[in-house]
């Protein structure tokens, strides 16, 4: 890995962050996914494509969950910073005139 960090070091740091954050859902889920994938990535033989696909599909769906948690955290931080409610609205959009599509 880059900067001399091994996979084990990354996992230890993720687990530490999850515990230091008070076991918040995002940090815990990210650490759990990393440990699960790291421990299981070599258990499925490379020639067993159906099982490898199942492993990667589970990892993909969990990553979608992590992305949703990241987006939720981003909305929370934006709301705190701007003093707004948790409803996230796009900003910086300019619309001029009436346009019809179709």
N, C-alpha and C. Protein backbone atom coordinates (compact mmCIF):
# COMPACT_ATOMS: atom_id res chain seq x y z
N UNK A 1 0.83 -1.18 0.00
CA UNK A 1 0.00 0.00 0.00
C UNK A 1 0.88 1.25 0.00
N UNK A 2 0.28 2.39 -0.28
CA UNK A 2 1.01 3.64 -0.32
C UNK A 2 1.51 4.03 1.07
N UNK A 3 2.52 4.84 1.09
CA UNK A 3 3.06 5.43 2.32
C UNK A 3 3.47 4.38 3.35
N UNK A 4 3.78 3.18 2.92
CA UNK A 4 4.26 2.16 3.83
C UNK A 4 3.20 1.58 4.75
N UNK A 5 1.93 1.85 4.49
CA UNK A 5 0.86 1.31 5.33
C UNK A 5 0.44 -0.06 4.82
N UNK A 6 0.37 -1.01 5.70
CA UNK A 6 -0.08 -2.34 5.33
C UNK A 6 -1.58 -2.43 5.52
N UNK A 7 -2.15 -3.52 5.02
CA UNK A 7 -3.59 -3.73 5.19
C UNK A 7 -3.94 -3.84 6.67
N UNK A 8 -3.08 -4.51 7.43
CA UNK A 8 -3.33 -4.66 8.86
C UNK A 8 -3.35 -3.31 9.57
N UNK A 9 -2.46 -2.41 9.17
CA UNK A 9 -2.42 -1.08 9.76
C UNK A 9 -3.69 -0.31 9.44
N UNK A 10 -4.14 -0.41 8.19
CA UNK A 10 -5.37 0.25 7.79
C UNK A 10 -6.55 -0.25 8.63
N UNK A 11 -6.63 -1.56 8.80
CA UNK A 11 -7.73 -2.14 9.58
C UNK A 11 -7.67 -1.68 11.02
N UNK A 12 -6.47 -1.66 11.60
CA UNK A 12 -6.33 -1.19 12.99
C UNK A 12 -6.78 0.26 13.13
N UNK A 13 -6.41 1.10 12.15
CA UNK A 13 -6.80 2.50 12.19
C UNK A 13 -8.31 2.67 12.05
N UNK A 14 -8.92 1.89 11.15
CA UNK A 14 -10.36 1.96 10.99
C UNK A 14 -11.09 1.52 12.25
N UNK A 15 -10.61 0.44 12.87
CA UNK A 15 -11.24 -0.04 14.10
C UNK A 15 -11.07 0.99 15.22
N UNK A 16 -9.90 1.60 15.31
CA UNK A 16 -9.67 2.65 16.31
C UNK A 16 -10.61 3.83 16.07
N UNK A 17 -10.75 4.27 14.82
CA UNK A 17 -11.64 5.38 14.51
C UNK A 17 -13.09 5.05 14.86
N UNK A 18 -13.50 3.81 14.60
CA UNK A 18 -14.87 3.41 14.91
C UNK A 18 -15.11 3.45 16.42
N UNK A 19 -14.14 2.98 17.20
CA UNK A 19 -14.29 2.98 18.65
C UNK A 19 -14.18 4.39 19.22
N UNK A 20 -13.26 5.20 18.67
CA UNK A 20 -13.06 6.56 19.16
C UNK A 20 -14.26 7.46 18.85
N UNK A 21 -15.02 7.12 17.82
CA UNK A 21 -16.17 7.93 17.44
C UNK A 21 -17.40 7.59 18.28
N UNK A 22 -17.24 6.67 19.21
CA UNK A 22 -18.39 6.24 20.00
C UNK A 22 -19.23 5.23 19.23
N UNK A 23 -18.58 4.49 18.36
CA UNK A 23 -19.24 3.48 17.55
C UNK A 23 -20.39 4.06 16.72
N UNK A 24 -20.13 5.20 16.09
CA UNK A 24 -21.13 5.77 15.19
C UNK A 24 -21.31 4.82 14.01
N UNK A 25 -22.49 4.83 13.44
CA UNK A 25 -22.87 3.85 12.44
C UNK A 25 -21.93 3.87 11.24
N UNK A 26 -21.61 5.04 10.71
CA UNK A 26 -20.76 5.13 9.52
C UNK A 26 -19.39 4.53 9.77
N UNK A 27 -18.74 4.96 10.83
CA UNK A 27 -17.39 4.49 11.11
C UNK A 27 -17.38 2.99 11.41
N UNK A 28 -18.38 2.52 12.15
CA UNK A 28 -18.44 1.10 12.48
C UNK A 28 -18.70 0.27 11.24
N UNK A 29 -19.60 0.74 10.37
CA UNK A 29 -19.93 -0.01 9.16
C UNK A 29 -18.72 -0.07 8.23
N UNK A 30 -17.99 1.03 8.11
CA UNK A 30 -16.82 1.05 7.25
C UNK A 30 -15.75 0.09 7.77
N UNK A 31 -15.53 0.09 9.08
CA UNK A 31 -14.56 -0.83 9.67
C UNK A 31 -15.00 -2.27 9.50
N UNK A 32 -16.29 -2.54 9.72
CA UNK A 32 -16.81 -3.90 9.57
C UNK A 32 -16.64 -4.40 8.14
N UNK A 33 -16.96 -3.55 7.17
CA UNK A 33 -16.84 -3.94 5.76
C UNK A 33 -15.38 -4.25 5.41
N UNK A 34 -14.49 -3.41 5.87
CA UNK A 34 -13.07 -3.60 5.57
C UNK A 34 -12.56 -4.91 6.15
N UNK A 35 -12.87 -5.16 7.41
CA UNK A 35 -12.43 -6.40 8.06
C UNK A 35 -13.04 -7.61 7.36
N UNK A 36 -14.35 -7.54 7.08
CA UNK A 36 -15.03 -8.66 6.42
C UNK A 36 -14.41 -8.96 5.05
N UNK A 37 -14.20 -7.92 4.25
CA UNK A 37 -13.66 -8.14 2.92
C UNK A 37 -12.22 -8.64 3.00
N UNK A 38 -11.42 -8.04 3.87
CA UNK A 38 -10.02 -8.45 4.01
C UNK A 38 -9.92 -9.91 4.42
N UNK A 39 -10.77 -10.34 5.35
CA UNK A 39 -10.72 -11.72 5.82
C UNK A 39 -11.27 -12.73 4.83
N UNK A 40 -12.14 -12.30 3.93
CA UNK A 40 -12.80 -13.24 3.03
C UNK A 40 -12.34 -13.17 1.58
N UNK A 41 -11.54 -12.20 1.22
CA UNK A 41 -11.18 -12.02 -0.19
C UNK A 41 -10.42 -13.19 -0.78
N UNK A 42 -9.63 -13.89 0.01
CA UNK A 42 -8.85 -15.02 -0.52
C UNK A 42 -9.45 -16.38 -0.19
N UNK A 43 -10.58 -16.39 0.49
CA UNK A 43 -11.22 -17.67 0.84
C UNK A 43 -11.94 -18.30 -0.35
N UNK A 44 -12.37 -17.49 -1.27
CA UNK A 44 -13.08 -18.01 -2.44
C UNK A 44 -12.06 -18.27 -3.54
N UNK A 45 -12.00 -19.49 -4.05
CA UNK A 45 -11.04 -19.78 -5.12
C UNK A 45 -11.30 -18.91 -6.35
N UNK A 46 -10.23 -18.51 -7.00
CA UNK A 46 -10.35 -17.64 -8.16
C UNK A 46 -11.14 -18.28 -9.30
N UNK A 47 -11.13 -19.58 -9.40
CA UNK A 47 -11.84 -20.24 -10.49
C UNK A 47 -13.32 -20.49 -10.17
N UNK A 48 -13.76 -20.15 -8.96
CA UNK A 48 -15.17 -20.28 -8.59
C UNK A 48 -15.84 -18.92 -8.81
N UNK A 49 -16.18 -18.66 -10.07
CA UNK A 49 -16.67 -17.33 -10.43
C UNK A 49 -18.00 -16.98 -9.78
N UNK A 50 -18.88 -17.95 -9.61
CA UNK A 50 -20.18 -17.66 -8.99
C UNK A 50 -19.99 -17.20 -7.54
N UNK A 51 -19.13 -17.86 -6.80
CA UNK A 51 -18.90 -17.46 -5.40
C UNK A 51 -18.16 -16.14 -5.33
N UNK A 52 -17.22 -15.91 -6.23
CA UNK A 52 -16.51 -14.63 -6.24
C UNK A 52 -17.48 -13.50 -6.57
N UNK A 53 -18.38 -13.76 -7.50
CA UNK A 53 -19.38 -12.75 -7.85
C UNK A 53 -20.26 -12.44 -6.64
N UNK A 54 -20.67 -13.48 -5.93
CA UNK A 54 -21.51 -13.27 -4.74
C UNK A 54 -20.77 -12.44 -3.69
N UNK A 55 -19.48 -12.73 -3.48
CA UNK A 55 -18.68 -11.97 -2.52
C UNK A 55 -18.60 -10.50 -2.94
N UNK A 56 -18.30 -10.26 -4.20
CA UNK A 56 -18.17 -8.89 -4.68
C UNK A 56 -19.52 -8.17 -4.68
N UNK A 57 -20.59 -8.90 -4.95
CA UNK A 57 -21.92 -8.28 -4.93
C UNK A 57 -22.28 -7.84 -3.51
N UNK A 58 -21.98 -8.68 -2.53
CA UNK A 58 -22.23 -8.30 -1.13
C UNK A 58 -21.40 -7.08 -0.75
N UNK A 59 -20.14 -7.07 -1.18
CA UNK A 59 -19.27 -5.92 -0.89
C UNK A 59 -19.81 -4.67 -1.55
N UNK A 60 -20.29 -4.79 -2.78
CA UNK A 60 -20.82 -3.64 -3.50
C UNK A 60 -22.05 -3.07 -2.79
N UNK A 61 -22.99 -3.94 -2.39
CA UNK A 61 -24.20 -3.47 -1.71
C UNK A 61 -23.85 -2.80 -0.39
N UNK A 62 -22.87 -3.33 0.31
CA UNK A 62 -22.46 -2.71 1.57
C UNK A 62 -21.81 -1.36 1.31
N UNK A 63 -21.06 -1.25 0.22
CA UNK A 63 -20.47 0.05 -0.14
C UNK A 63 -21.56 1.07 -0.47
N UNK A 64 -22.64 0.62 -1.09
CA UNK A 64 -23.75 1.53 -1.33
C UNK A 64 -24.32 2.05 -0.01
N UNK A 65 -24.41 1.17 0.98
CA UNK A 65 -24.88 1.58 2.30
C UNK A 65 -23.93 2.59 2.92
N UNK A 66 -22.63 2.32 2.80
CA UNK A 66 -21.63 3.25 3.35
C UNK A 66 -21.73 4.60 2.65
N UNK A 67 -21.93 4.60 1.33
CA UNK A 67 -22.09 5.86 0.60
C UNK A 67 -23.32 6.62 1.08
N UNK A 68 -24.42 5.92 1.34
CA UNK A 68 -25.62 6.58 1.86
C UNK A 68 -25.34 7.19 3.23
N UNK A 69 -24.60 6.48 4.07
CA UNK A 69 -24.24 7.01 5.39
C UNK A 69 -23.32 8.23 5.26
N UNK A 70 -22.41 8.20 4.28
CA UNK A 70 -21.54 9.35 4.05
C UNK A 70 -22.35 10.56 3.61
N UNK A 71 -23.32 10.34 2.73
CA UNK A 71 -24.17 11.43 2.27
C UNK A 71 -25.00 12.00 3.42
N UNK A 72 -25.52 11.13 4.26
CA UNK A 72 -26.27 11.58 5.43
C UNK A 72 -25.38 12.41 6.35
N UNK A 73 -24.16 11.96 6.58
CA UNK A 73 -23.22 12.71 7.42
C UNK A 73 -22.91 14.07 6.80
N UNK A 74 -22.74 14.09 5.49
CA UNK A 74 -22.48 15.35 4.79
C UNK A 74 -23.64 16.33 4.97
N UNK A 75 -24.85 15.82 4.87
CA UNK A 75 -26.02 16.69 5.07
C UNK A 75 -26.06 17.22 6.50
N UNK A 76 -25.76 16.38 7.46
CA UNK A 76 -25.74 16.81 8.86
C UNK A 76 -24.71 17.91 9.07
N UNK A 77 -23.53 17.73 8.49
CA UNK A 77 -22.47 18.73 8.66
C UNK A 77 -22.83 20.04 7.97
N UNK A 78 -23.43 19.96 6.79
CA UNK A 78 -23.86 21.19 6.11
C UNK A 78 -24.92 21.91 6.91
N UNK A 79 -25.85 21.17 7.49
CA UNK A 79 -26.91 21.78 8.29
C UNK A 79 -26.33 22.45 9.53
N UNK A 80 -25.36 21.81 10.18
CA UNK A 80 -24.74 22.39 11.36
C UNK A 80 -23.98 23.66 11.00
N UNK A 81 -23.28 23.61 9.87
CA UNK A 81 -22.45 24.74 9.47
C UNK A 81 -23.30 25.94 9.09
N UNK A 82 -24.40 25.70 8.42
CA UNK A 82 -25.23 26.79 7.93
C UNK A 82 -26.39 27.13 8.85
N UNK A 83 -26.55 26.37 9.92
CA UNK A 83 -27.63 26.62 10.84
C UNK A 83 -29.00 26.32 10.25
N UNK A 84 -29.04 25.40 9.31
CA UNK A 84 -30.30 25.06 8.65
C UNK A 84 -30.83 23.75 9.19
N UNK A 85 -32.01 23.42 8.71
CA UNK A 85 -32.57 22.12 9.05
C UNK A 85 -31.80 21.04 8.32
N UNK A 86 -32.14 19.79 8.58
CA UNK A 86 -31.44 18.68 7.95
C UNK A 86 -31.87 18.45 6.51
N UNK A 87 -32.84 19.21 6.03
CA UNK A 87 -33.25 19.08 4.65
C UNK A 87 -32.17 19.66 3.76
N UNK A 88 -31.61 18.85 2.90
CA UNK A 88 -30.54 19.31 2.01
C UNK A 88 -31.14 19.75 0.70
N UNK A 89 -30.83 20.95 0.32
CA UNK A 89 -31.29 21.49 -0.96
C UNK A 89 -30.08 21.90 -1.78
N UNK A 90 -30.15 21.71 -3.09
CA UNK A 90 -29.01 22.13 -3.93
C UNK A 90 -28.89 23.64 -3.91
N UNK A 91 -27.66 24.09 -4.05
CA UNK A 91 -27.43 25.54 -4.11
C UNK A 91 -26.61 25.85 -5.35
N UNK A 92 -26.72 27.07 -5.81
CA UNK A 92 -25.94 27.49 -6.96
C UNK A 92 -26.56 27.17 -8.30
N UNK A 93 -27.83 26.83 -8.32
CA UNK A 93 -28.49 26.52 -9.58
C UNK A 93 -29.15 27.79 -10.10
N UNK A 94 -28.94 28.07 -11.37
CA UNK A 94 -29.56 29.24 -12.00
C UNK A 94 -30.48 28.75 -13.10
N UNK A 95 -31.70 29.23 -13.06
CA UNK A 95 -32.69 28.88 -14.08
C UNK A 95 -33.23 30.17 -14.65
N UNK A 96 -33.26 30.27 -15.95
CA UNK A 96 -33.83 31.48 -16.55
C UNK A 96 -34.81 31.09 -17.64
N UNK A 97 -35.96 31.74 -17.62
CA UNK A 97 -36.97 31.52 -18.65
C UNK A 97 -37.69 30.19 -18.50
N UNK A 98 -38.75 30.06 -19.26
CA UNK A 98 -39.51 28.82 -19.29
C UNK A 98 -39.05 28.01 -20.48
N UNK A 99 -38.66 26.79 -20.20
CA UNK A 99 -38.24 25.89 -21.27
C UNK A 99 -39.08 24.65 -21.23
N UNK A 100 -39.46 24.18 -22.39
CA UNK A 100 -40.23 22.95 -22.47
C UNK A 100 -39.37 21.90 -23.13
N UNK A 101 -39.42 20.72 -22.57
CA UNK A 101 -38.66 19.61 -23.11
C UNK A 101 -39.64 18.58 -23.65
N UNK A 102 -39.24 17.89 -24.70
CA UNK A 102 -40.08 16.82 -25.19
C UNK A 102 -40.30 16.89 -26.61
